[in-house]
Amino acid sequence: MRILRRIVLVVVALMVAGFVGLRIRFGEQADIGAGYGAKHLCSCVFVGGRDYDACRRDLGADMDPVQSRVIDHGVEAWVPLLARRTARFTEGTGCTLE
């Protein structure tokens, strides 16, 4: 039982260390990518009046790690476990990042 407990503790510690390492190494890039994706898609859909799928294709393959969805008057974009940004559309001013 002690060995199993130690193995579980080691595995959890490695997972936490891995997550912290990912956040330190890629967190800023993920935040920038999520912000860019949210703003671009919001402007394309709500200001440009284009279809979400067409706008998403405009981002290109480099943005594949960034997930996104249209929400009420805006777009939310995120890189799982690393970053999340939202851009909202306001009549007269367009889309802005929150």
N, C-alpha and C. Protein backbone atom coordinates (compact mmCIF):
# COMPACT_ATOMS: atom_id res chain seq x y z
N MET A 1 0.81 -1.20 0.00
CA MET A 1 0.00 0.00 0.00
C MET A 1 0.86 1.27 0.00
N ARG A 2 1.96 1.23 0.76
CA ARG A 2 2.86 2.38 0.80
C ARG A 2 3.48 2.66 -0.56
N ILE A 3 3.85 1.60 -1.26
CA ILE A 3 4.46 1.77 -2.57
C ILE A 3 3.48 2.40 -3.54
N LEU A 4 2.24 1.95 -3.52
CA LEU A 4 1.21 2.52 -4.39
C LEU A 4 0.99 4.00 -4.08
N ARG A 5 0.97 4.33 -2.82
CA ARG A 5 0.79 5.73 -2.40
C ARG A 5 1.95 6.59 -2.89
N ARG A 6 3.16 6.09 -2.79
CA ARG A 6 4.33 6.83 -3.27
C ARG A 6 4.30 7.00 -4.78
N ILE A 7 3.90 5.95 -5.48
CA ILE A 7 3.80 6.05 -6.94
C ILE A 7 2.78 7.10 -7.33
N VAL A 8 1.64 7.11 -6.66
CA VAL A 8 0.61 8.11 -6.96
C VAL A 8 1.14 9.51 -6.69
N LEU A 9 1.83 9.70 -5.57
CA LEU A 9 2.40 11.01 -5.24
C LEU A 9 3.42 11.46 -6.29
N VAL A 10 4.25 10.55 -6.75
CA VAL A 10 5.24 10.89 -7.77
C VAL A 10 4.56 11.27 -9.08
N VAL A 11 3.56 10.50 -9.46
CA VAL A 11 2.83 10.80 -10.71
C VAL A 11 2.15 12.17 -10.62
N VAL A 12 1.51 12.45 -9.50
CA VAL A 12 0.84 13.75 -9.32
C VAL A 12 1.87 14.87 -9.35
N ALA A 13 3.00 14.68 -8.68
CA ALA A 13 4.05 15.70 -8.66
C ALA A 13 4.59 15.96 -10.07
N LEU A 14 4.78 14.91 -10.84
CA LEU A 14 5.24 15.08 -12.22
C LEU A 14 4.22 15.81 -13.09
N MET A 15 2.95 15.50 -12.87
CA MET A 15 1.89 16.19 -13.64
C MET A 15 1.86 17.68 -13.29
N VAL A 16 1.96 18.00 -12.02
CA VAL A 16 1.96 19.40 -11.60
C VAL A 16 3.19 20.12 -12.16
N ALA A 17 4.34 19.49 -12.06
CA ALA A 17 5.56 20.09 -12.59
C ALA A 17 5.46 20.30 -14.11
N GLY A 18 4.88 19.34 -14.80
CA GLY A 18 4.69 19.48 -16.24
C GLY A 18 3.77 20.63 -16.59
N PHE A 19 2.69 20.76 -15.85
CA PHE A 19 1.75 21.86 -16.10
C PHE A 19 2.42 23.21 -15.83
N VAL A 20 3.14 23.31 -14.73
CA VAL A 20 3.83 24.56 -14.41
C VAL A 20 4.86 24.89 -15.49
N GLY A 21 5.57 23.88 -15.95
CA GLY A 21 6.54 24.09 -17.02
C GLY A 21 5.89 24.56 -18.31
N LEU A 22 4.76 23.96 -18.67
CA LEU A 22 4.03 24.41 -19.85
C LEU A 22 3.56 25.85 -19.71
N ARG A 23 3.04 26.18 -18.55
CA ARG A 23 2.52 27.53 -18.31
C ARG A 23 3.64 28.56 -18.39
N ILE A 24 4.80 28.23 -17.82
CA ILE A 24 5.93 29.16 -17.85
C ILE A 24 6.45 29.31 -19.28
N ARG A 25 6.58 28.20 -19.98
CA ARG A 25 7.17 28.26 -21.32
C ARG A 25 6.22 28.80 -22.38
N PHE A 26 4.95 28.41 -22.32
CA PHE A 26 4.03 28.75 -23.40
C PHE A 26 2.87 29.65 -22.99
N GLY A 27 2.77 30.02 -21.72
CA GLY A 27 1.63 30.79 -21.24
C GLY A 27 1.44 32.12 -21.95
N GLU A 28 2.53 32.86 -22.13
CA GLU A 28 2.43 34.17 -22.79
C GLU A 28 2.03 34.02 -24.26
N GLN A 29 2.63 33.08 -24.94
CA GLN A 29 2.28 32.83 -26.34
C GLN A 29 0.82 32.39 -26.46
N ALA A 30 0.38 31.55 -25.54
CA ALA A 30 -1.00 31.08 -25.57
C ALA A 30 -1.97 32.23 -25.34
N ASP A 31 -1.63 33.13 -24.44
CA ASP A 31 -2.48 34.29 -24.16
C ASP A 31 -2.57 35.20 -25.39
N ILE A 32 -1.45 35.42 -26.04
CA ILE A 32 -1.44 36.25 -27.26
C ILE A 32 -2.25 35.57 -28.37
N GLY A 33 -2.05 34.28 -28.55
CA GLY A 33 -2.79 33.56 -29.59
C GLY A 33 -4.28 33.54 -29.34
N ALA A 34 -4.68 33.33 -28.08
CA ALA A 34 -6.11 33.33 -27.75
C ALA A 34 -6.71 34.73 -27.96
N GLY A 35 -5.97 35.76 -27.57
CA GLY A 35 -6.45 37.13 -27.78
C GLY A 35 -6.59 37.47 -29.25
N TYR A 36 -5.59 37.10 -30.03
CA TYR A 36 -5.64 37.36 -31.47
C TYR A 36 -6.81 36.62 -32.11
N GLY A 37 -6.97 35.35 -31.75
CA GLY A 37 -8.07 34.58 -32.32
C GLY A 37 -9.42 35.15 -31.96
N ALA A 38 -9.61 35.53 -30.69
CA ALA A 38 -10.89 36.09 -30.26
C ALA A 38 -11.19 37.39 -31.00
N LYS A 39 -10.21 38.27 -31.09
CA LYS A 39 -10.42 39.57 -31.74
C LYS A 39 -10.67 39.41 -33.23
N HIS A 40 -9.86 38.61 -33.88
CA HIS A 40 -10.02 38.40 -35.32
C HIS A 40 -11.40 37.81 -35.64
N LEU A 41 -11.76 36.76 -34.94
CA LEU A 41 -13.03 36.10 -35.22
C LEU A 41 -14.22 36.99 -34.89
N CYS A 42 -14.14 37.74 -33.80
CA CYS A 42 -15.22 38.65 -33.44
C CYS A 42 -15.41 39.70 -34.54
N SER A 43 -14.32 40.31 -34.98
CA SER A 43 -14.41 41.33 -36.03
C SER A 43 -14.91 40.74 -37.33
N CYS A 44 -14.42 39.57 -37.68
CA CYS A 44 -14.80 38.93 -38.93
C CYS A 44 -16.29 38.58 -38.94
N VAL A 45 -16.78 38.03 -37.83
CA VAL A 45 -18.18 37.59 -37.77
C VAL A 45 -19.13 38.76 -37.56
N PHE A 46 -18.86 39.59 -36.55
CA PHE A 46 -19.83 40.62 -36.17
C PHE A 46 -19.68 41.92 -36.94
N VAL A 47 -18.47 42.29 -37.32
CA VAL A 47 -18.28 43.52 -38.09
C VAL A 47 -18.33 43.21 -39.59
N GLY A 48 -17.62 42.16 -39.99
CA GLY A 48 -17.58 41.79 -41.41
C GLY A 48 -18.80 41.04 -41.90
N GLY A 49 -19.57 40.48 -40.97
CA GLY A 49 -20.78 39.75 -41.35
C GLY A 49 -20.51 38.43 -42.06
N ARG A 50 -19.35 37.86 -41.84
CA ARG A 50 -19.00 36.61 -42.50
C ARG A 50 -19.34 35.41 -41.64
N ASP A 51 -19.35 34.25 -42.26
CA ASP A 51 -19.62 32.98 -41.59
C ASP A 51 -18.45 32.62 -40.66
N TYR A 52 -18.76 32.10 -39.48
CA TYR A 52 -17.72 31.73 -38.51
C TYR A 52 -16.71 30.76 -39.10
N ASP A 53 -17.17 29.73 -39.79
CA ASP A 53 -16.26 28.72 -40.35
C ASP A 53 -15.29 29.33 -41.36
N ALA A 54 -15.78 30.24 -42.18
CA ALA A 54 -14.91 30.92 -43.15
C ALA A 54 -13.88 31.78 -42.41
N CYS A 55 -14.32 32.46 -41.38
CA CYS A 55 -13.40 33.29 -40.59
C CYS A 55 -12.36 32.43 -39.90
N ARG A 56 -12.77 31.30 -39.40
CA ARG A 56 -11.86 30.38 -38.71
C ARG A 56 -10.79 29.87 -39.68
N ARG A 57 -11.18 29.56 -40.91
CA ARG A 57 -10.21 29.10 -41.91
C ARG A 57 -9.19 30.19 -42.22
N ASP A 58 -9.58 31.46 -42.14
CA ASP A 58 -8.65 32.56 -42.40
C ASP A 58 -7.47 32.57 -41.42
N LEU A 59 -7.66 32.02 -40.23
CA LEU A 59 -6.60 32.04 -39.23
C LEU A 59 -5.42 31.15 -39.60
N GLY A 60 -5.65 30.10 -40.36
CA GLY A 60 -4.58 29.24 -40.80
C GLY A 60 -4.24 28.14 -39.79
N ALA A 61 -3.39 27.23 -40.21
CA ALA A 61 -3.05 26.05 -39.42
C ALA A 61 -2.24 26.38 -38.17
N ASP A 62 -1.51 27.49 -38.16
CA ASP A 62 -0.73 27.86 -36.98
C ASP A 62 -1.62 28.11 -35.77
N MET A 63 -2.88 28.43 -36.02
CA MET A 63 -3.80 28.74 -34.93
C MET A 63 -4.65 27.54 -34.51
N ASP A 64 -4.31 26.35 -35.02
CA ASP A 64 -5.08 25.15 -34.66
C ASP A 64 -5.14 24.86 -33.16
N PRO A 65 -4.08 25.14 -32.38
CA PRO A 65 -4.19 24.88 -30.94
C PRO A 65 -5.21 25.78 -30.23
N VAL A 66 -5.58 26.88 -30.85
CA VAL A 66 -6.54 27.81 -30.24
C VAL A 66 -7.96 27.36 -30.56
N GLN A 67 -8.71 27.05 -29.54
CA GLN A 67 -10.11 26.67 -29.68
C GLN A 67 -10.94 27.94 -29.60
N SER A 68 -12.13 27.95 -30.18
CA SER A 68 -12.95 29.16 -30.13
C SER A 68 -14.42 28.81 -30.32
N ARG A 69 -15.25 29.76 -29.87
CA ARG A 69 -16.69 29.61 -30.09
C ARG A 69 -17.32 31.00 -30.03
N VAL A 70 -18.41 31.13 -30.77
CA VAL A 70 -19.18 32.37 -30.76
C VAL A 70 -20.07 32.34 -29.52
N ILE A 71 -20.04 33.42 -28.78
CA ILE A 71 -20.91 33.57 -27.61
C ILE A 71 -21.79 34.79 -27.84
N ASP A 72 -22.63 35.11 -26.91
CA ASP A 72 -23.54 36.25 -27.04
C ASP A 72 -22.78 37.54 -27.35
N HIS A 73 -22.88 38.02 -28.57
CA HIS A 73 -22.23 39.25 -29.04
C HIS A 73 -20.72 39.23 -28.86
N GLY A 74 -20.11 38.10 -29.13
CA GLY A 74 -18.66 38.03 -29.02
C GLY A 74 -18.12 36.67 -29.35
N VAL A 75 -16.83 36.53 -29.14
CA VAL A 75 -16.13 35.27 -29.38
C VAL A 75 -15.21 35.00 -28.20
N GLU A 76 -15.22 33.76 -27.75
CA GLU A 76 -14.32 33.30 -26.71
C GLU A 76 -13.31 32.37 -27.35
N ALA A 77 -12.03 32.58 -27.07
CA ALA A 77 -10.98 31.73 -27.63
C ALA A 77 -10.05 31.29 -26.49
N TRP A 78 -9.54 30.08 -26.60
CA TRP A 78 -8.69 29.56 -25.53
C TRP A 78 -7.73 28.51 -26.05
N VAL A 79 -6.64 28.38 -25.31
CA VAL A 79 -5.71 27.27 -25.48
C VAL A 79 -5.90 26.43 -24.22
N PRO A 80 -6.36 25.20 -24.36
CA PRO A 80 -6.70 24.40 -23.17
C PRO A 80 -5.61 24.42 -22.10
N LEU A 81 -6.03 24.70 -20.89
CA LEU A 81 -5.21 24.74 -19.69
C LEU A 81 -4.23 25.91 -19.61
N LEU A 82 -4.12 26.72 -20.66
CA LEU A 82 -3.10 27.77 -20.66
C LEU A 82 -3.64 29.19 -20.71
N ALA A 83 -4.65 29.45 -21.53
CA ALA A 83 -5.10 30.84 -21.70
C ALA A 83 -6.53 30.87 -22.21
N ARG A 84 -7.24 31.95 -21.87
CA ARG A 84 -8.61 32.16 -22.33
C ARG A 84 -8.82 33.67 -22.49
N ARG A 85 -9.33 34.08 -23.66
CA ARG A 85 -9.61 35.49 -23.92
C ARG A 85 -10.99 35.62 -24.58
N THR A 86 -11.63 36.76 -24.38
CA THR A 86 -12.94 37.02 -24.95
C THR A 86 -12.94 38.39 -25.62
N ALA A 87 -13.50 38.45 -26.81
CA ALA A 87 -13.70 39.73 -27.51
C ALA A 87 -15.20 39.92 -27.66
N ARG A 88 -15.68 41.11 -27.32
CA ARG A 88 -17.11 41.42 -27.39
C ARG A 88 -17.37 42.50 -28.43
N PHE A 89 -18.48 42.33 -29.13
CA PHE A 89 -18.92 43.31 -30.12
C PHE A 89 -19.86 44.32 -29.47
N THR A 90 -19.58 45.61 -29.71
CA THR A 90 -20.46 46.68 -29.27
C THR A 90 -20.77 47.55 -30.48
N GLU A 91 -22.04 47.80 -30.70
CA GLU A 91 -22.46 48.62 -31.83
C GLU A 91 -21.78 49.99 -31.75
N GLY A 92 -21.18 50.41 -32.86
CA GLY A 92 -20.54 51.71 -32.92
C GLY A 92 -19.05 51.69 -32.62
N THR A 93 -18.59 50.71 -31.85
CA THR A 93 -17.17 50.64 -31.54
C THR A 93 -16.52 49.36 -32.05
N GLY A 94 -17.28 48.38 -32.45
CA GLY A 94 -16.73 47.14 -32.98
C GLY A 94 -16.38 46.16 -31.88
N CYS A 95 -15.33 45.37 -32.10
CA CYS A 95 -14.95 44.32 -31.16
C CYS A 95 -13.74 44.77 -30.34
N THR A 96 -13.80 44.50 -29.06
CA THR A 96 -12.69 44.79 -28.16
C THR A 96 -12.44 43.60 -27.25
N LEU A 97 -11.18 43.40 -26.90
CA LEU A 97 -10.82 42.33 -25.97
C LEU A 97 -11.19 42.74 -24.57
N GLU A 98 -11.66 41.79 -23.81
CA GLU A 98 -11.96 42.05 -22.39
C GLU A 98 -10.71 41.77 -21.57
